[in-house]
């Protein structure tokens, strides 16, 4: 079993043993109850054949919070040939602070 953390590190442009080969990004937005919701979906293909999708969704609702609410999802779409299973295969965060804490914890 291999952890998702080194792949998230690469996606967030931090040191990682897994270099990204390509990335494709799609953006969309729509109105919802007077605010604009934006979704950015990026699919990352790694040199070892692993494919991971990161989706970030947030709205423009004013917030005084240090870590404003947003929704971040990582999904393993494909395992590379010969790579051990990546766990968790899906990880969800409600803000960037939780994402950063999870990454730091699992990278130690």
PDB file of N, CA and C in Angstrom:
ATOM      1  N   UNK A   1       0.836  -1.180   0.000  1.00  0.00           N
ATOM      2  CA  UNK A   1       0.000   0.000   0.000  1.00  0.00           C
ATOM      3  C   UNK A   1       0.885   1.248   0.000  1.00  0.00           C
ATOM      4  N   UNK A   2       0.465   2.233  -0.731  1.00  0.00           N
ATOM      5  CA  UNK A   2       1.169   3.515  -0.786  1.00  0.00           C
ATOM      6  C   UNK A   2       0.195   4.607  -0.356  1.00  0.00           C
ATOM      7  N   UNK A   3       0.704   5.612   0.321  1.00  0.00           N
ATOM      8  CA  UNK A   3      -0.157   6.688   0.798  1.00  0.00           C
ATOM      9  C   UNK A   3      -0.372   7.748  -0.284  1.00  0.00           C
ATOM     10  N   UNK A   4      -1.488   8.435  -0.198  1.00  0.00           N
ATOM     11  CA  UNK A   4      -1.835   9.501  -1.133  1.00  0.00           C
ATOM     12  C   UNK A   4      -0.972  10.749  -0.926  1.00  0.00           C
ATOM     13  N   UNK A   5      -0.430  10.915   0.275  1.00  0.00           N
ATOM     14  CA  UNK A   5       0.275  12.149   0.647  1.00  0.00           C
ATOM     15  C   UNK A   5       1.392  12.576  -0.305  1.00  0.00           C
ATOM     16  N   UNK A   6       2.287  11.694  -0.774  1.00  0.00           N
ATOM     17  CA  UNK A   6       3.346  12.174  -1.676  1.00  0.00           C
ATOM     18  C   UNK A   6       2.806  12.713  -3.001  1.00  0.00           C
ATOM     19  N   UNK A   7       1.672  12.189  -3.437  1.00  0.00           N
ATOM     20  CA  UNK A   7       1.054  12.687  -4.670  1.00  0.00           C
ATOM     21  C   UNK A   7       0.445  14.071  -4.435  1.00  0.00           C
ATOM     22  N   UNK A   8      -0.185  14.249  -3.269  1.00  0.00           N
ATOM     23  CA  UNK A   8      -0.725  15.565  -2.921  1.00  0.00           C
ATOM     24  C   UNK A   8       0.416  16.570  -2.805  1.00  0.00           C
ATOM     25  N   UNK A   9       1.540  16.155  -2.249  1.00  0.00           N
ATOM     26  CA  UNK A   9       2.712  17.041  -2.168  1.00  0.00           C
ATOM     27  C   UNK A   9       3.119  17.527  -3.550  1.00  0.00           C
ATOM     28  N   UNK A  10       3.187  16.617  -4.496  1.00  0.00           N
ATOM     29  CA  UNK A  10       3.557  17.000  -5.868  1.00  0.00           C
ATOM     30  C   UNK A  10       2.533  17.958  -6.454  1.00  0.00           C
ATOM     31  N   UNK A  11       1.250  17.674  -6.231  1.00  0.00           N
ATOM     32  CA  UNK A  11       0.180  18.524  -6.761  1.00  0.00           C
ATOM     33  C   UNK A  11       0.287  19.938  -6.193  1.00  0.00           C
ATOM     34  N   UNK A  12       0.655  20.040  -4.917  1.00  0.00           N
ATOM     35  CA  UNK A  12       0.789  21.349  -4.265  1.00  0.00           C
ATOM     36  C   UNK A  12       2.184  21.947  -4.441  1.00  0.00           C
ATOM     37  N   UNK A  13       2.952  21.372  -5.362  1.00  0.00           N
ATOM     38  CA  UNK A  13       4.283  21.860  -5.724  1.00  0.00           C
ATOM     39  C   UNK A  13       5.257  21.843  -4.554  1.00  0.00           C
ATOM     40  N   UNK A  14       5.189  20.775  -3.773  1.00  0.00           N
ATOM     41  CA  UNK A  14       6.132  20.543  -2.683  1.00  0.00           C
ATOM     42  C   UNK A  14       7.009  19.361  -3.066  1.00  0.00           C
ATOM     43  N   UNK A  15       8.113  19.146  -2.364  1.00  0.00           N
ATOM     44  CA  UNK A  15       8.980  18.009  -2.701  1.00  0.00           C
ATOM     45  C   UNK A  15       8.216  16.684  -2.657  1.00  0.00           C
ATOM     46  N   UNK A  16       8.456  15.851  -3.659  1.00  0.00           N
ATOM     47  CA  UNK A  16       7.763  14.570  -3.763  1.00  0.00           C
ATOM     48  C   UNK A  16       8.585  13.617  -4.625  1.00  0.00           C
ATOM     49  N   UNK A  17       8.524  12.322  -4.320  1.00  0.00           N
ATOM     50  CA  UNK A  17       9.217  11.351  -5.169  1.00  0.00           C
ATOM     51  C   UNK A  17       8.462  11.046  -6.463  1.00  0.00           C
ATOM     52  N   UNK A  18       7.270  11.637  -6.621  1.00  0.00           N
ATOM     53  CA  UNK A  18       6.429  11.347  -7.782  1.00  0.00           C
ATOM     54  C   UNK A  18       6.254  12.593  -8.654  1.00  0.00           C
ATOM     55  N   UNK A  19       7.040  12.729  -9.710  1.00  0.00           N
ATOM     56  CA  UNK A  19       6.891  13.895 -10.584  1.00  0.00           C
ATOM     57  C   UNK A  19       5.620  13.810 -11.433  1.00  0.00           C
ATOM     58  N   UNK A  20       5.041  14.968 -11.685  1.00  0.00           N
ATOM     59  CA  UNK A  20       3.842  15.066 -12.520  1.00  0.00           C
ATOM     60  C   UNK A  20       4.275  15.097 -13.978  1.00  0.00           C
ATOM     61  N   UNK A  21       3.631  14.270 -14.789  1.00  0.00           N
ATOM     62  CA  UNK A  21       3.929  14.242 -16.228  1.00  0.00           C
ATOM     63  C   UNK A  21       3.086  15.280 -16.963  1.00  0.00           C
ATOM     64  N   UNK A  22       1.767  15.284 -16.704  1.00  0.00           N
ATOM     65  CA  UNK A  22       0.873  16.248 -17.355  1.00  0.00           C
ATOM     66  C   UNK A  22      -0.242  16.642 -16.396  1.00  0.00           C
ATOM     67  N   UNK A  23      -0.879  17.767 -16.716  1.00  0.00           N
ATOM     68  CA  UNK A  23      -2.059  18.200 -15.959  1.00  0.00           C
ATOM     69  C   UNK A  23      -3.041  18.855 -16.914  1.00  0.00           C
ATOM     70  N   UNK A  24      -4.316  18.618 -16.699  1.00  0.00           N
ATOM     71  CA  UNK A  24      -5.381  19.232 -17.493  1.00  0.00           C
ATOM     72  C   UNK A  24      -6.376  19.856 -16.526  1.00  0.00           C
ATOM     73  N   UNK A  25      -6.715  21.132 -16.759  1.00  0.00           N
ATOM     74  CA  UNK A  25      -7.602  21.851 -15.851  1.00  0.00           C
ATOM     75  C   UNK A  25      -8.844  22.331 -16.577  1.00  0.00           C
ATOM     76  N   UNK A  26      -9.982  22.190 -15.898  1.00  0.00           N
ATOM     77  CA  UNK A  26     -11.255  22.719 -16.391  1.00  0.00           C
ATOM     78  C   UNK A  26     -11.846  23.595 -15.291  1.00  0.00           C
ATOM     79  N   UNK A  27     -12.387  24.748 -15.681  1.00  0.00           N
ATOM     80  CA  UNK A  27     -12.993  25.665 -14.716  1.00  0.00           C
ATOM     81  C   UNK A  27     -14.431  25.937 -15.122  1.00  0.00           C
ATOM     82  N   UNK A  28     -15.289  26.060 -14.119  1.00  0.00           N
ATOM     83  CA  UNK A  28     -16.669  26.446 -14.378  1.00  0.00           C
ATOM     84  C   UNK A  28     -17.169  27.269 -13.198  1.00  0.00           C
ATOM     85  N   UNK A  29     -18.186  28.071 -13.450  1.00  0.00           N
ATOM     86  CA  UNK A  29     -18.796  28.851 -12.382  1.00  0.00           C
ATOM     87  C   UNK A  29     -20.276  29.019 -12.659  1.00  0.00           C
ATOM     88  N   UNK A  30     -21.039  29.250 -11.577  1.00  0.00           N
ATOM     89  CA  UNK A  30     -22.478  29.403 -11.704  1.00  0.00           C
ATOM     90  C   UNK A  30     -22.986  30.209 -10.506  1.00  0.00           C
ATOM     91  N   UNK A  31     -24.124  30.883 -10.675  1.00  0.00           N
ATOM     92  CA  UNK A  31     -24.709  31.635  -9.566  1.00  0.00           C
ATOM     93  C   UNK A  31     -25.480  30.697  -8.631  1.00  0.00           C
ATOM     94  N   UNK A  32     -25.435  31.013  -7.338  1.00  0.00           N
ATOM     95  CA  UNK A  32     -26.182  30.231  -6.353  1.00  0.00           C
ATOM     96  C   UNK A  32     -26.565  31.151  -5.204  1.00  0.00           C
ATOM     97  N   UNK A  33     -27.826  31.460  -5.079  1.00  0.00           N
ATOM     98  CA  UNK A  33     -28.372  32.289  -4.007  1.00  0.00           C
ATOM     99  C   UNK A  33     -27.652  33.626  -3.883  1.00  0.00           C
ATOM    100  N   UNK A  34     -27.375  34.255  -4.999  1.00  0.00           N
ATOM    101  CA  UNK A  34     -26.764  35.574  -5.006  1.00  0.00           C
ATOM    102  C   UNK A  34     -25.244  35.585  -4.958  1.00  0.00           C
ATOM    103  N   UNK A  35     -24.624  34.443  -4.938  1.00  0.00           N
ATOM    104  CA  UNK A  35     -23.168  34.350  -4.915  1.00  0.00           C
ATOM    105  C   UNK A  35     -22.699  33.542  -6.113  1.00  0.00           C
ATOM    106  N   UNK A  36     -21.429  33.661  -6.428  1.00  0.00           N
ATOM    107  CA  UNK A  36     -20.854  32.899  -7.532  1.00  0.00           C
ATOM    108  C   UNK A  36     -20.051  31.739  -6.966  1.00  0.00           C
ATOM    109  N   UNK A  37     -20.337  30.551  -7.467  1.00  0.00           N
ATOM    110  CA  UNK A  37     -19.604  29.351  -7.071  1.00  0.00           C
ATOM    111  C   UNK A  37     -18.643  29.005  -8.201  1.00  0.00           C
ATOM    112  N   UNK A  38     -17.393  28.756  -7.859  1.00  0.00           N
ATOM    113  CA  UNK A  38     -16.372  28.395  -8.852  1.00  0.00           C
ATOM    114  C   UNK A  38     -15.862  26.990  -8.549  1.00  0.00           C
ATOM    115  N   UNK A  39     -15.707  26.199  -9.601  1.00  0.00           N
ATOM    116  CA  UNK A  39     -15.137  24.858  -9.463  1.00  0.00           C
ATOM    117  C   UNK A  39     -13.984  24.719 -10.434  1.00  0.00           C
ATOM    118  N   UNK A  40     -12.851  24.266  -9.906  1.00  0.00           N
ATOM    119  CA  UNK A  40     -11.679  23.993 -10.734  1.00  0.00           C
ATOM    120  C   UNK A  40     -11.324  22.521 -10.562  1.00  0.00           C
ATOM    121  N   UNK A  41     -11.318  21.804 -11.667  1.00  0.00           N
ATOM    122  CA  UNK A  41     -11.000  20.379 -11.652  1.00  0.00           C
ATOM    123  C   UNK A  41      -9.734  20.165 -12.463  1.00  0.00           C
ATOM    124  N   UNK A  42      -8.730  19.579 -11.818  1.00  0.00           N
ATOM    125  CA  UNK A  42      -7.462  19.307 -12.493  1.00  0.00           C
ATOM    126  C   UNK A  42      -7.161  17.820 -12.395  1.00  0.00           C
ATOM    127  N   UNK A  43      -6.824  17.233 -13.534  1.00  0.00           N
ATOM    128  CA  UNK A  43      -6.426  15.830 -13.582  1.00  0.00           C
ATOM    129  C   UNK A  43      -4.917  15.774 -13.770  1.00  0.00           C
ATOM    130  N   UNK A  44      -4.255  15.096 -12.850  1.00  0.00           N
ATOM    131  CA  UNK A  44      -2.796  14.975 -12.856  1.00  0.00           C
ATOM    132  C   UNK A  44      -2.411  13.561 -13.268  1.00  0.00           C
ATOM    133  N   UNK A  45      -1.515  13.459 -14.234  1.00  0.00           N
ATOM    134  CA  UNK A  45      -0.954  12.172 -14.643  1.00  0.00           C
ATOM    135  C   UNK A  45       0.511  12.176 -14.215  1.00  0.00           C
ATOM    136  N   UNK A  46       0.879  11.158 -13.462  1.00  0.00           N
ATOM    137  CA  UNK A  46       2.237  11.048 -12.938  1.00  0.00           C
ATOM    138  C   UNK A  46       3.060  10.131 -13.833  1.00  0.00           C
ATOM    139  N   UNK A  47       4.373  10.276 -13.747  1.00  0.00           N
ATOM    140  CA  UNK A  47       5.275   9.475 -14.584  1.00  0.00           C
ATOM    141  C   UNK A  47       5.127   7.974 -14.347  1.00  0.00           C
ATOM    142  N   UNK A  48       4.678   7.572 -13.160  1.00  0.00           N
ATOM    143  CA  UNK A  48       4.527   6.144 -12.868  1.00  0.00           C
ATOM    144  C   UNK A  48       3.166   5.587 -13.306  1.00  0.00           C
ATOM    145  N   UNK A  49       2.355   6.404 -13.993  1.00  0.00           N
ATOM    146  CA  UNK A  49       1.068   5.947 -14.512  1.00  0.00           C
ATOM    147  C   UNK A  49      -0.127   6.259 -13.635  1.00  0.00           C
ATOM    148  N   UNK A  50       0.093   6.728 -12.421  1.00  0.00           N
ATOM    149  CA  UNK A  50      -1.004   7.079 -11.520  1.00  0.00           C
ATOM    150  C   UNK A  50      -1.718   8.322 -12.052  1.00  0.00           C
ATOM    151  N   UNK A  51      -3.064   8.331 -11.934  1.00  0.00           N
ATOM    152  CA  UNK A  51      -3.870   9.479 -12.345  1.00  0.00           C
ATOM    153  C   UNK A  51      -4.718   9.900 -11.147  1.00  0.00           C
ATOM    154  N   UNK A  52      -4.625  11.179 -10.780  1.00  0.00           N
ATOM    155  CA  UNK A  52      -5.366  11.721  -9.641  1.00  0.00           C
ATOM    156  C   UNK A  52      -6.077  12.990 -10.075  1.00  0.00           C
ATOM    157  N   UNK A  53      -7.343  13.102  -9.634  1.00  0.00           N
ATOM    158  CA  UNK A  53      -8.119  14.310  -9.923  1.00  0.00           C
ATOM    159  C   UNK A  53      -8.282  15.106  -8.628  1.00  0.00           C
ATOM    160  N   UNK A  54      -8.005  16.410  -8.719  1.00  0.00           N
ATOM    161  CA  UNK A  54      -8.217  17.338  -7.596  1.00  0.00           C
ATOM    162  C   UNK A  54      -9.302  18.316  -8.008  1.00  0.00           C
ATOM    163  N   UNK A  55     -10.335  18.415  -7.177  1.00  0.00           N
ATOM    164  CA  UNK A  55     -11.432  19.344  -7.432  1.00  0.00           C
ATOM    165  C   UNK A  55     -11.508  20.330  -6.274  1.00  0.00           C
ATOM    166  N   UNK A  56     -11.543  21.621  -6.602  1.00  0.00           N
ATOM    167  CA  UNK A  56     -11.685  22.667  -5.593  1.00  0.00           C
ATOM    168  C   UNK A  56     -12.923  23.470  -5.945  1.00  0.00           C
ATOM    169  N   UNK A  57     -13.834  23.570  -4.984  1.00  0.00           N
ATOM    170  CA  UNK A  57     -15.067  24.333  -5.192  1.00  0.00           C
ATOM    171  C   UNK A  57     -15.184  25.359  -4.069  1.00  0.00           C
ATOM    172  N   UNK A  58     -15.423  26.600  -4.449  1.00  0.00           N
ATOM    173  CA  UNK A  58     -15.589  27.648  -3.448  1.00  0.00           C
ATOM    174  C   UNK A  58     -16.511  28.718  -3.989  1.00  0.00           C
ATOM    175  N   UNK A  59     -17.085  29.473  -3.053  1.00  0.00           N
ATOM    176  CA  UNK A  59     -17.969  30.561  -3.461  1.00  0.00           C
ATOM    177  C   UNK A  59     -17.340  31.887  -3.053  1.00  0.00           C
ATOM    178  N   UNK A  60     -17.963  32.973  -3.491  1.00  0.00           N
ATOM    179  CA  UNK A  60     -17.422  34.297  -3.169  1.00  0.00           C
ATOM    180  C   UNK A  60     -18.155  34.935  -1.989  1.00  0.00           C
ATOM    181  N   UNK A  61     -18.752  34.107  -1.120  1.00  0.00           N
ATOM    182  CA  UNK A  61     -19.407  34.598   0.080  1.00  0.00           C
ATOM    183  C   UNK A  61     -18.346  35.217   0.984  1.00  0.00           C
ATOM    184  N   UNK A  62     -18.568  36.458   1.462  1.00  0.00           N
ATOM    185  CA  UNK A  62     -17.557  37.107   2.308  1.00  0.00           C
ATOM    186  C   UNK A  62     -17.325  36.315   3.598  1.00  0.00           C
ATOM    187  N   UNK A  63     -16.072  36.163   3.970  1.00  0.00           N
ATOM    188  CA  UNK A  63     -15.735  35.412   5.178  1.00  0.00           C
ATOM    189  C   UNK A  63     -14.549  36.063   5.865  1.00  0.00           C
ATOM    190  N   UNK A  64     -14.640  36.164   7.193  1.00  0.00           N
ATOM    191  CA  UNK A  64     -13.536  36.703   7.984  1.00  0.00           C
ATOM    192  C   UNK A  64     -12.660  35.591   8.547  1.00  0.00           C
ATOM    193  N   UNK A  65     -12.968  34.360   8.197  1.00  0.00           N
ATOM    194  CA  UNK A  65     -12.211  33.227   8.721  1.00  0.00           C
ATOM    195  C   UNK A  65     -10.824  33.162   8.100  1.00  0.00           C
ATOM    196  N   UNK A  66      -9.847  32.757   8.894  1.00  0.00           N
ATOM    197  CA  UNK A  66      -8.485  32.597   8.372  1.00  0.00           C
ATOM    198  C   UNK A  66      -8.452  31.516   7.298  1.00  0.00           C
ATOM    199  N   UNK A  67      -9.249  30.480   7.499  1.00  0.00           N
ATOM    200  CA  UNK A  67      -9.366  29.402   6.505  1.00  0.00           C
ATOM    201  C   UNK A  67     -10.816  29.339   6.054  1.00  0.00           C
ATOM    202  N   UNK A  68     -11.120  30.103   5.048  1.00  0.00           N
ATOM    203  CA  UNK A  68     -12.490  30.154   4.548  1.00  0.00           C
ATOM    204  C   UNK A  68     -12.915  28.787   4.033  1.00  0.00           C
ATOM    205  N   UNK A  69     -14.202  28.515   4.167  1.00  0.00           N
ATOM    206  CA  UNK A  69     -14.747  27.239   3.722  1.00  0.00           C
ATOM    207  C   UNK A  69     -14.608  27.070   2.213  1.00  0.00           C
ATOM    208  N   UNK A  70     -14.148  25.916   1.829  1.00  0.00           N
ATOM    209  CA  UNK A  70     -14.117  25.498   0.434  1.00  0.00           C
ATOM    210  C   UNK A  70     -14.131  23.978   0.454  1.00  0.00           C
ATOM    211  N   UNK A  71     -14.281  23.360  -0.679  1.00  0.00           N
ATOM    212  CA  UNK A  71     -14.361  21.908  -0.728  1.00  0.00           C
ATOM    213  C   UNK A  71     -13.274  21.411  -1.659  1.00  0.00           C
ATOM    214  N   UNK A  72     -12.385  20.605  -1.119  1.00  0.00           N
ATOM    215  CA  UNK A  72     -11.244  20.082  -1.872  1.00  0.00           C
ATOM    216  C   UNK A  72     -11.348  18.560  -1.863  1.00  0.00           C
ATOM    217  N   UNK A  73     -11.322  17.973  -3.035  1.00  0.00           N
ATOM    218  CA  UNK A  73     -11.429  16.517  -3.146  1.00  0.00           C
ATOM    219  C   UNK A  73     -10.292  15.979  -4.001  1.00  0.00           C
ATOM    220  N   UNK A  74      -9.653  14.930  -3.515  1.00  0.00           N
ATOM    221  CA  UNK A  74      -8.652  14.184  -4.284  1.00  0.00           C
ATOM    222  C   UNK A  74      -9.230  12.802  -4.555  1.00  0.00           C
ATOM    223  N   UNK A  75      -9.156  12.364  -5.804  1.00  0.00           N
ATOM    224  CA  UNK A  75      -9.636  11.035  -6.167  1.00  0.00           C
ATOM    225  C   UNK A  75      -8.594  10.335  -7.030  1.00  0.00           C
ATOM    226  N   UNK A  76      -8.232   9.122  -6.642  1.00  0.00           N
ATOM    227  CA  UNK A  76      -7.321   8.316  -7.455  1.00  0.00           C
ATOM    228  C   UNK A  76      -8.158   7.690  -8.566  1.00  0.00           C
ATOM    229  N   UNK A  77      -7.901   8.085  -9.807  1.00  0.00           N
ATOM    230  CA  UNK A  77      -8.659   7.582 -10.951  1.00  0.00           C
ATOM    231  C   UNK A  77      -8.027   6.339 -11.552  1.00  0.00           C
ATOM    232  N   UNK A  78      -6.706   6.220 -11.464  1.00  0.00           N
ATOM    233  CA  UNK A  78      -6.009   5.060 -12.030  1.00  0.00           C
ATOM    234  C   UNK A  78      -4.731   4.794 -11.255  1.00  0.00           C
ATOM    235  N   UNK A  79      -4.492   3.539 -10.992  1.00  0.00           N
ATOM    236  CA  UNK A  79      -3.230   3.107 -10.398  1.00  0.00           C
ATOM    237  C   UNK A  79      -2.234   2.923 -11.532  1.00  0.00           C
ATOM    238  N   UNK A  80      -0.988   3.153 -11.260  1.00  0.00           N
ATOM    239  CA  UNK A  80       0.031   2.910 -12.274  1.00  0.00           C
ATOM    240  C   UNK A  80       0.327   1.421 -12.378  1.00  0.00           C
ATOM    241  N   UNK A  81       0.818   0.968 -13.528  1.00  0.00           N
ATOM    242  CA  UNK A  81       1.165  -0.448 -13.655  1.00  0.00           C
ATOM    243  C   UNK A  81       2.285  -0.810 -12.675  1.00  0.00           C
ATOM    244  N   UNK A  82       2.025  -1.794 -11.851  1.00  0.00           N
ATOM    245  CA  UNK A  82       3.031  -2.229 -10.891  1.00  0.00           C
ATOM    246  C   UNK A  82       3.142  -1.380  -9.639  1.00  0.00           C
ATOM    247  N   UNK A  83       2.322  -0.338  -9.505  1.00  0.00           N
ATOM    248  CA  UNK A  83       2.373   0.475  -8.284  1.00  0.00           C
ATOM    249  C   UNK A  83       1.452  -0.139  -7.234  1.00  0.00           C
ATOM    250  N   UNK A  84       1.834  -0.072  -5.963  1.00  0.00           N
ATOM    251  CA  UNK A  84       0.950  -0.594  -4.913  1.00  0.00           C
ATOM    252  C   UNK A  84      -0.313   0.264  -4.818  1.00  0.00           C
ATOM    253  N   UNK A  85      -1.410  -0.284  -4.300  1.00  0.00           N
ATOM    254  CA  UNK A  85      -2.647   0.493  -4.170  1.00  0.00           C
ATOM    255  C   UNK A  85      -2.423   1.758  -3.339  1.00  0.00           C
ATOM    256  N   UNK A  86      -2.985   2.859  -3.803  1.00  0.00           N
ATOM    257  CA  UNK A  86      -2.854   4.146  -3.109  1.00  0.00           C
ATOM    258  C   UNK A  86      -4.046   4.309  -2.175  1.00  0.00           C
ATOM    259  N   UNK A  87      -3.741   4.607  -0.913  1.00  0.00           N
ATOM    260  CA  UNK A  87      -4.785   4.788   0.094  1.00  0.00           C
ATOM    261  C   UNK A  87      -4.604   6.117   0.800  1.00  0.00           C
ATOM    262  N   UNK A  88      -5.638   6.830   1.118  1.00  0.00           N
ATOM    263  CA  UNK A  88      -7.002   6.554   0.698  1.00  0.00           C
ATOM    264  C   UNK A  88      -7.174   6.861  -0.788  1.00  0.00           C
ATOM    265  N   UNK A  89      -8.126   6.206  -1.419  1.00  0.00           N
ATOM    266  CA  UNK A  89      -8.381   6.438  -2.842  1.00  0.00           C
ATOM    267  C   UNK A  89      -9.163   7.728  -3.054  1.00  0.00           C
ATOM    268  N   UNK A  90      -9.780   8.229  -1.979  1.00  0.00           N
ATOM    269  CA  UNK A  90     -10.503   9.508  -2.041  1.00  0.00           C
ATOM    270  C   UNK A  90     -10.313  10.217  -0.708  1.00  0.00           C
ATOM    271  N   UNK A  91     -10.032  11.527  -0.780  1.00  0.00           N
ATOM    272  CA  UNK A  91      -9.834  12.334   0.425  1.00  0.00           C
ATOM    273  C   UNK A  91     -10.526  13.673   0.218  1.00  0.00           C
ATOM    274  N   UNK A  92     -11.303  14.106   1.222  1.00  0.00           N
ATOM    275  CA  UNK A  92     -12.067  15.351   1.117  1.00  0.00           C
ATOM    276  C   UNK A  92     -11.695  16.274   2.277  1.00  0.00           C
ATOM    277  N   UNK A  93     -11.553  17.569   1.979  1.00  0.00           N
ATOM    278  CA  UNK A  93     -11.259  18.587   2.984  1.00  0.00           C
ATOM    279  C   UNK A  93     -12.275  19.716   2.854  1.00  0.00           C
ATOM    280  N   UNK A  94     -12.562  20.389   3.988  1.00  0.00           N
ATOM    281  CA  UNK A  94     -13.497  21.516   3.976  1.00  0.00           C
ATOM    282  C   UNK A  94     -12.804  22.868   3.898  1.00  0.00           C
ATOM    283  N   UNK A  95     -11.482  22.890   3.967  1.00  0.00           N
ATOM    284  CA  UNK A  95     -10.735  24.137   3.792  1.00  0.00           C
ATOM    285  C   UNK A  95      -9.254  23.816   3.590  1.00  0.00           C
ATOM    286  N   UNK A  96      -8.499  24.820   3.199  1.00  0.00           N
ATOM    287  CA  UNK A  96      -7.079  24.605   2.903  1.00  0.00           C
ATOM    288  C   UNK A  96      -6.255  24.331   4.160  1.00  0.00           C
ATOM    289  N   UNK A  97      -6.709  24.811   5.328  1.00  0.00           N
ATOM    290  CA  UNK A  97      -5.981  24.536   6.569  1.00  0.00           C
ATOM    291  C   UNK A  97      -6.033  23.051   6.909  1.00  0.00           C
ATOM    292  N   UNK A  98      -7.183  22.427   6.728  1.00  0.00           N
ATOM    293  CA  UNK A  98      -7.297  20.984   6.994  1.00  0.00           C
ATOM    294  C   UNK A  98      -6.464  20.187   5.999  1.00  0.00           C
ATOM    295  N   UNK A  99      -6.454  20.652   4.761  1.00  0.00           N
ATOM    296  CA  UNK A  99      -5.632  19.998   3.743  1.00  0.00           C
ATOM    297  C   UNK A  99      -4.154  20.062   4.144  1.00  0.00           C
ATOM    298  N   UNK A 100      -3.695  21.242   4.567  1.00  0.00           N
ATOM    299  CA  UNK A 100      -2.293  21.434   4.953  1.00  0.00           C
ATOM    300  C   UNK A 100      -1.938  20.598   6.184  1.00  0.00           C
ATOM    301  N   UNK A 101      -2.845  20.551   7.169  1.00  0.00           N
ATOM    302  CA  UNK A 101      -2.594  19.761   8.370  1.00  0.00           C
ATOM    303  C   UNK A 101      -2.500  18.282   8.023  1.00  0.00           C
ATOM    304  N   UNK A 102      -3.424  17.782   7.200  1.00  0.00           N
ATOM    305  CA  UNK A 102      -3.414  16.372   6.785  1.00  0.00           C
ATOM    306  C   UNK A 102      -2.103  16.036   6.076  1.00  0.00           C
ATOM    307  N   UNK A 103      -1.697  16.913   5.177  1.00  0.00           N
ATOM    308  CA  UNK A 103      -0.471  16.660   4.425  1.00  0.00           C
ATOM    309  C   UNK A 103       0.744  16.641   5.350  1.00  0.00           C
ATOM    310  N   UNK A 104       0.815  17.590   6.270  1.00  0.00           N
ATOM    311  CA  UNK A 104       1.943  17.625   7.203  1.00  0.00           C
ATOM    312  C   UNK A 104       1.956  16.370   8.075  1.00  0.00           C
ATOM    313  N   UNK A 105       0.805  15.965   8.563  1.00  0.00           N
ATOM    314  CA  UNK A 105       0.708  14.781   9.420  1.00  0.00           C
ATOM    315  C   UNK A 105       1.151  13.525   8.675  1.00  0.00           C
ATOM    316  N   UNK A 106       0.702  13.368   7.439  1.00  0.00           N
ATOM    317  CA  UNK A 106       0.998  12.154   6.679  1.00  0.00           C
ATOM    318  C   UNK A 106       2.349  12.197   5.967  1.00  0.00           C
ATOM    319  N   UNK A 107       3.022  13.324   6.037  1.00  0.00           N
ATOM    320  CA  UNK A 107       4.349  13.429   5.425  1.00  0.00           C
ATOM    321  C   UNK A 107       5.459  13.280   6.455  1.00  0.00           C
ATOM    322  N   UNK A 108       5.077  13.236   7.725  1.00  0.00           N
ATOM    323  CA  UNK A 108       6.081  13.149   8.807  1.00  0.00           C
ATOM    324  C   UNK A 108       6.680  11.761   8.896  1.00  0.00           C
TER     325      UNK A 108
END
